[in-house]
Amino acid sequence: MKSVTDKPDQYLINCSGVTLDLRKAPVVMGIVNVTPDSFYDGGMFVQKKDKPDYDRALNHALQLIRSGATIIDIGGESSRPGAEPIPTEEEIRRTVPLIGMLRKKTDALISIDTWKSEVAEAAIRAGAQLVNDISGFTFDADLPEICRKYQAAVILMHTPTKPQSMQWSTGTSSTSNDIITTVTAYLQRSILTARHHGINDIIIDPGFGFGKTVEENYRLLGAMNKLQKLQRPLLAGVSRKSFLGHVIAEPRQPTPPPSERLSATLAAETIALLNGASIIRAHDVKAAMQTIAVVMASRAASA
């Protein structure tokens, strides 16, 4: 078993002047979506006429931090399959006031879940320190320069297409395309783009559920450790996603909704941790923290 110091310097992430140390143990990123249509928590923090409920969202974020979240990931545009894009101004309206409120209440790291450079800049100015880009720097050519300008850390994810063109995780995959090779090559290009712009603080995300069949998601989950050759911390975002529902469905019964996928989520998070994940992106922070504790105890006992 590798010691803490065996992990490379890339596991020390500079987030706009604050260090995220991923050498010793995995951490949890808590999810707060200020959207009316996200697949699990859509509308949870939205009032009538799509007005964000900032106070409720703030209290939820603070509760996630009390439960152990190291990072709070705030999103203002749904990235679920089929989701329609929203104007930049609306995304800023949903997220930036909440980020400012949260920054006044906590020193926890704040991430903005966006692929838009204008949203990212407004969020960073309000207090965000990481940019979580589902496109891996492929949707907005101006985003890398914004991240470099403010020394924000970046999370670069694999996705083959924009959400409005994406399908839910269904069916089985063809053996003609190897998902591990595809994701690895895509993330390699994303890392090169970041490095070209002088960005070295990079986390990678294979993009579970984004334009992948059920079979491809499980193949990726089981072989996630192969992405460690990219020498960047790995983030696993499997929380309550549809590919989990497909395998826990009762015969001849509908796929269980996201609210009934917690046990499957914890199983998938365990597999991800055993395959090298350094960050678990979760709706259920306390449960994810307990999952990490069990995995770490097992590693320590067998060392």
Protein backbone atom coordinates (compact mmCIF):
# COMPACT_ATOMS: atom_id res chain seq x y z
CA MET A 1 0.00 0.00 0.00
CA LYS A 2 1.32 3.43 -0.93
CA SER A 3 2.00 5.90 1.85
CA VAL A 4 0.64 9.44 1.87
CA THR A 5 3.87 10.87 0.51
CA ASP A 6 3.85 8.44 -2.43
CA LYS A 7 1.07 10.41 -4.09
CA PRO A 8 2.38 13.05 -6.50
CA ASP A 9 2.18 16.80 -6.04
CA GLN A 10 -0.87 16.84 -8.31
CA TYR A 11 -2.87 15.65 -5.29
CA LEU A 12 -2.19 18.99 -3.58
CA ILE A 13 -4.70 21.24 -5.31
CA ASN A 14 -4.43 25.03 -5.15
CA CYS A 15 -7.96 26.44 -5.13
CA SER A 16 -7.50 30.20 -5.51
CA GLY A 17 -4.98 30.25 -2.69
CA VAL A 18 -6.54 27.53 -0.51
CA THR A 19 -4.96 24.07 -0.56
CA LEU A 20 -7.06 20.95 -1.01
CA ASP A 21 -4.93 18.02 0.17
CA LEU A 22 -6.05 14.76 -1.40
CA ARG A 23 -2.95 12.74 -0.50
CA LYS A 24 -4.19 11.24 2.75
CA ALA A 25 -7.87 10.40 2.35
CA PRO A 26 -10.78 10.94 -0.04
CA VAL A 27 -13.16 13.84 0.57
CA VAL A 28 -16.83 14.49 -0.18
CA MET A 29 -18.24 17.17 -2.45
CA GLY A 30 -21.80 18.05 -1.46
CA ILE A 31 -24.31 18.92 -4.18
CA VAL A 32 -26.59 21.98 -4.10
CA ASN A 33 -28.57 22.53 -7.30
CA VAL A 34 -30.50 25.80 -7.45
CA THR A 35 -32.52 24.57 -10.41
CA PRO A 36 -36.17 23.67 -11.06
CA ASP A 37 -35.33 20.60 -13.17
CA SER A 38 -32.27 18.69 -11.91
CA PHE A 39 -32.95 14.94 -11.94
CA TYR A 40 -32.93 14.43 -8.15
CA ASP A 41 -33.12 17.72 -6.26
CA GLY A 42 -34.69 19.88 -8.97
CA GLY A 43 -37.04 22.41 -7.40
CA MET A 44 -35.91 21.68 -3.86
CA PHE A 45 -34.44 25.16 -3.49
CA VAL A 46 -36.73 27.04 -5.87
CA GLN A 47 -39.78 29.12 -4.98
CA LYS A 48 -42.69 30.05 -7.22
CA LYS A 49 -41.86 31.45 -10.66
CA ASP A 50 -38.44 29.76 -10.48
CA LYS A 51 -37.13 32.24 -7.90
CA PRO A 52 -34.23 30.64 -5.99
CA ASP A 53 -34.88 30.00 -2.31
CA TYR A 54 -31.45 31.22 -1.22
CA ASP A 55 -32.08 30.84 2.52
CA ARG A 56 -33.17 27.22 2.22
CA ALA A 57 -30.31 26.42 -0.14
CA LEU A 58 -27.84 28.12 2.21
CA ASN A 59 -29.08 26.14 5.21
CA HIS A 60 -28.83 22.93 3.22
CA ALA A 61 -25.27 23.72 2.15
CA LEU A 62 -24.28 24.47 5.74
CA GLN A 63 -25.85 21.17 6.83
CA LEU A 64 -23.80 19.32 4.20
CA ILE A 65 -20.66 20.96 5.59
CA ARG A 66 -21.61 19.93 9.14
CA SER A 67 -22.08 16.40 7.80
CA GLY A 68 -18.50 16.40 6.53
CA ALA A 69 -18.44 17.92 3.06
CA THR A 70 -15.10 19.50 2.19
CA ILE A 71 -16.46 21.09 -1.00
CA ILE A 72 -19.90 22.44 -1.87
CA ASP A 73 -20.73 22.25 -5.58
CA ILE A 74 -23.36 24.80 -6.59
CA GLY A 75 -25.16 24.46 -9.91
CA GLY A 76 -27.66 26.72 -11.63
CA GLU A 77 -28.28 24.83 -14.88
CA SER A 78 -29.43 21.24 -15.03
CA SER A 79 -27.12 18.87 -16.90
CA ARG A 80 -29.56 15.94 -16.86
CA PRO A 81 -30.12 14.30 -20.27
CA GLY A 82 -32.49 16.36 -22.37
CA ALA A 83 -32.16 19.50 -20.24
CA GLU A 84 -32.56 22.73 -22.18
CA PRO A 85 -29.89 25.42 -21.76
CA ILE A 86 -30.71 28.61 -19.89
CA PRO A 87 -29.39 32.14 -20.46
CA THR A 88 -26.10 33.04 -18.82
CA GLU A 89 -27.77 35.84 -16.88
CA GLU A 90 -30.29 33.42 -15.36
CA GLU A 91 -27.57 30.99 -14.32
CA ILE A 92 -25.71 33.83 -12.63
CA ARG A 93 -28.91 34.96 -10.90
CA ARG A 94 -29.47 31.49 -9.50
CA THR A 95 -25.96 30.80 -8.24
CA VAL A 96 -23.91 33.92 -7.49
CA PRO A 97 -26.00 35.34 -4.61
CA LEU A 98 -25.96 31.93 -2.92
CA ILE A 99 -22.18 31.65 -3.31
CA GLY A 100 -21.75 35.08 -1.74
CA MET A 101 -24.00 34.16 1.18
CA LEU A 102 -22.23 30.84 1.73
CA ARG A 103 -18.78 32.42 1.58
CA LYS A 104 -19.72 34.74 4.45
CA LYS A 105 -20.77 31.73 6.57
CA THR A 106 -17.97 29.23 5.99
CA ASP A 107 -14.38 28.67 4.92
CA ALA A 108 -15.34 25.46 3.11
CA LEU A 109 -14.33 25.21 -0.52
CA ILE A 110 -17.01 26.27 -3.00
CA SER A 111 -17.24 24.94 -6.54
CA ILE A 112 -19.34 26.39 -9.36
CA ASP A 113 -20.84 23.73 -11.61
CA THR A 114 -20.78 25.46 -14.99
CA TRP A 115 -19.18 25.32 -18.42
CA LYS A 116 -19.75 29.03 -19.13
CA SER A 117 -16.87 31.48 -18.69
CA GLU A 118 -19.09 34.40 -17.69
CA VAL A 119 -20.83 32.36 -14.99
CA ALA A 120 -17.51 31.05 -13.73
CA GLU A 121 -16.01 34.53 -13.45
CA ALA A 122 -19.02 35.91 -11.58
CA ALA A 123 -19.00 32.90 -9.24
CA ILE A 124 -15.27 33.17 -8.52
CA ARG A 125 -15.63 36.87 -7.78
CA ALA A 126 -18.37 35.95 -5.30
CA GLY A 127 -16.19 33.39 -3.53
CA ALA A 128 -15.99 30.15 -5.53
CA GLN A 129 -12.54 28.54 -5.77
CA LEU A 130 -13.14 25.62 -8.13
CA VAL A 131 -14.81 25.37 -11.53
CA ASN A 132 -16.58 22.09 -12.25
CA ASP A 133 -16.85 21.92 -16.04
CA ILE A 134 -18.90 19.01 -17.40
CA SER A 135 -17.37 19.58 -20.83
CA GLY A 136 -13.70 19.31 -19.89
CA PHE A 137 -12.98 22.70 -21.54
CA THR A 138 -14.73 21.81 -24.81
CA PHE A 139 -17.93 23.93 -24.71
CA ASP A 140 -16.50 27.41 -23.99
CA ALA A 141 -13.06 28.34 -25.31
CA ASP A 142 -12.84 31.31 -22.92
CA LEU A 143 -13.25 29.27 -19.73
CA PRO A 144 -9.61 28.12 -19.34
CA GLU A 145 -8.36 31.71 -19.35
CA ILE A 146 -10.85 32.68 -16.63
CA CYS A 147 -9.69 29.77 -14.47
CA ARG A 148 -6.05 30.72 -15.01
CA LYS A 149 -6.70 34.39 -14.26
CA TYR A 150 -8.16 33.64 -10.83
CA GLN A 151 -6.03 30.53 -10.08
CA ALA A 152 -9.18 28.48 -9.68
CA ALA A 153 -8.80 24.73 -9.59
CA VAL A 154 -10.66 22.86 -12.31
CA ILE A 155 -12.66 19.66 -12.50
CA LEU A 156 -12.63 18.37 -16.07
CA MET A 157 -15.30 15.83 -16.98
CA HIS A 158 -15.90 13.61 -19.99
CA THR A 159 -19.10 14.15 -21.93
CA PRO A 160 -19.67 13.33 -25.60
CA THR A 161 -22.35 15.96 -26.17
CA LYS A 162 -24.34 18.78 -24.58
CA PRO A 163 -27.16 17.77 -22.19
CA GLN A 164 -30.00 18.71 -24.57
CA SER A 165 -28.69 16.11 -27.05
CA MET A 166 -28.02 13.42 -24.46
CA GLN A 167 -30.00 10.29 -23.69
CA TRP A 168 -30.53 8.64 -20.32
CA SER A 169 -28.32 5.63 -19.56
CA THR A 170 -30.10 2.75 -21.29
CA GLY A 171 -29.39 -0.27 -23.42
CA THR A 172 -26.15 -2.15 -23.87
CA SER A 173 -23.01 -0.96 -25.55
CA SER A 174 -21.24 -2.12 -28.65
CA THR A 175 -17.83 -3.72 -28.23
CA SER A 176 -16.57 -1.66 -31.17
CA ASN A 177 -15.90 1.33 -28.91
CA ASP A 178 -13.99 0.89 -25.66
CA ILE A 179 -15.33 3.36 -23.12
CA ILE A 180 -12.11 3.35 -21.06
CA THR A 181 -10.02 4.27 -24.10
CA THR A 182 -12.53 6.91 -25.16
CA VAL A 183 -12.71 8.58 -21.76
CA THR A 184 -8.95 8.41 -21.23
CA ALA A 185 -8.19 10.06 -24.57
CA TYR A 186 -10.80 12.78 -23.99
CA LEU A 187 -9.47 13.61 -20.53
CA GLN A 188 -5.90 13.61 -21.82
CA ARG A 189 -6.91 16.32 -24.31
CA SER A 190 -8.69 18.27 -21.56
CA ILE A 191 -5.59 18.13 -19.38
CA LEU A 192 -3.42 19.31 -22.28
CA THR A 193 -5.79 22.23 -22.87
CA ALA A 194 -5.57 23.18 -19.21
CA ARG A 195 -1.79 22.93 -19.16
CA HIS A 196 -1.57 25.00 -22.36
CA HIS A 197 -3.35 27.79 -20.48
CA GLY A 198 -1.03 27.48 -17.47
CA ILE A 199 -3.49 25.53 -15.30
CA ASN A 200 -1.90 22.80 -13.19
CA ASP A 201 -4.50 22.24 -10.46
CA ILE A 202 -6.67 19.68 -12.21
CA ILE A 203 -9.15 17.04 -11.06
CA ILE A 204 -10.66 14.62 -13.59
CA ASP A 205 -14.13 13.10 -13.72
CA PRO A 206 -15.06 10.21 -16.05
CA GLY A 207 -18.63 11.53 -16.31
CA PHE A 208 -20.82 8.69 -15.10
CA GLY A 209 -24.24 8.86 -16.74
CA PHE A 210 -23.23 11.41 -19.36
CA GLY A 211 -23.86 9.94 -22.81
CA LYS A 212 -23.02 6.40 -21.70
CA THR A 213 -25.05 3.22 -21.77
CA VAL A 214 -25.74 1.25 -18.60
CA GLU A 215 -23.08 -1.29 -19.52
CA GLU A 216 -20.52 1.42 -20.28
CA ASN A 217 -21.12 3.07 -16.91
CA TYR A 218 -20.44 -0.18 -15.07
CA ARG A 219 -17.42 -0.97 -17.22
CA LEU A 220 -16.07 2.47 -16.43
CA LEU A 221 -16.80 2.09 -12.71
CA GLY A 222 -15.05 -1.25 -12.50
CA ALA A 223 -11.98 -0.02 -14.39
CA MET A 224 -11.80 3.51 -13.00
CA ASN A 225 -8.35 2.75 -11.59
CA LYS A 226 -6.99 2.76 -15.16
CA LEU A 227 -7.54 6.52 -15.23
CA GLN A 228 -4.92 6.89 -12.50
CA LYS A 229 -2.27 6.74 -15.20
CA LEU A 230 -3.29 10.33 -16.01
CA GLN A 231 -1.81 11.23 -12.60
CA ARG A 232 -4.66 13.49 -11.55
CA PRO A 233 -7.08 13.08 -8.64
CA LEU A 234 -10.26 11.29 -9.67
CA LEU A 235 -13.78 12.49 -8.88
CA ALA A 236 -16.67 10.03 -8.93
CA GLY A 237 -20.17 11.43 -9.40
CA VAL A 238 -22.49 8.42 -9.23
CA SER A 239 -25.04 9.71 -6.73
CA ARG A 240 -28.55 8.32 -7.45
CA LYS A 241 -27.94 8.17 -11.21
CA SER A 242 -30.14 6.25 -13.63
CA PHE A 243 -27.63 3.50 -14.45
CA LEU A 244 -27.91 2.41 -10.81
CA GLY A 245 -31.68 2.21 -11.03
CA HIS A 246 -31.55 -0.16 -13.99
CA VAL A 247 -29.82 -2.96 -12.10
CA ILE A 248 -31.85 -2.72 -8.88
CA ALA A 249 -35.24 -2.73 -10.62
CA GLU A 250 -37.54 -5.64 -9.77
CA PRO A 251 -38.47 -7.93 -12.69
CA ARG A 252 -41.18 -6.40 -14.87
CA GLN A 253 -41.25 -3.30 -12.66
CA PRO A 254 -40.32 0.31 -13.53
CA THR A 255 -36.85 1.55 -12.78
CA PRO A 256 -36.79 2.88 -9.19
CA PRO A 257 -36.76 6.70 -9.01
CA PRO A 258 -33.71 8.58 -7.70
CA SER A 259 -35.22 8.71 -4.20
CA GLU A 260 -34.92 4.91 -3.99
CA ARG A 261 -31.31 4.60 -5.16
CA LEU A 262 -29.34 5.38 -1.99
CA SER A 263 -28.16 1.81 -1.29
CA ALA A 264 -27.08 1.39 -4.90
CA THR A 265 -25.30 4.75 -4.70
CA LEU A 266 -23.30 3.68 -1.65
CA ALA A 267 -22.30 0.43 -3.37
CA ALA A 268 -21.12 2.34 -6.44
CA GLU A 269 -19.25 4.88 -4.30
CA THR A 270 -17.48 2.02 -2.52
CA ILE A 271 -16.35 0.56 -5.84
CA ALA A 272 -15.17 3.99 -6.97
CA LEU A 273 -13.14 4.46 -3.78
CA LEU A 274 -11.55 1.05 -4.15
CA ASN A 275 -10.63 2.06 -7.70
CA GLY A 276 -8.84 5.24 -6.71
CA ALA A 277 -11.47 7.98 -6.34
CA SER A 278 -10.21 10.94 -4.30
CA ILE A 279 -13.49 12.88 -4.32
CA ILE A 280 -17.03 11.57 -4.00
CA ARG A 281 -19.65 13.97 -5.34
CA ALA A 282 -22.78 13.20 -3.36
CA HIS A 283 -26.26 14.31 -2.45
CA ASP A 284 -26.05 12.26 0.77
CA VAL A 285 -22.90 13.56 2.42
CA LYS A 286 -23.16 11.78 5.77
CA ALA A 287 -23.66 8.40 4.09
CA ALA A 288 -20.73 9.08 1.75
CA MET A 289 -18.52 10.01 4.70
CA GLN A 290 -19.39 6.72 6.39
CA THR A 291 -18.58 4.85 3.19
CA ILE A 292 -15.16 6.50 3.07
CA ALA A 293 -14.56 5.66 6.75
CA VAL A 294 -15.22 1.96 6.15
CA VAL A 295 -12.98 1.83 3.07
CA MET A 296 -10.16 3.65 4.86
CA ALA A 297 -10.45 1.39 7.92
CA SER A 298 -10.22 -1.65 5.69
CA ARG A 299 -7.12 -0.27 3.97
CA ALA A 300 -5.48 0.58 7.28
CA ALA A 301 -6.17 -2.87 8.73
CA SER A 302 -4.66 -4.61 5.70
CA ALA A 303 -1.61 -2.35 5.38
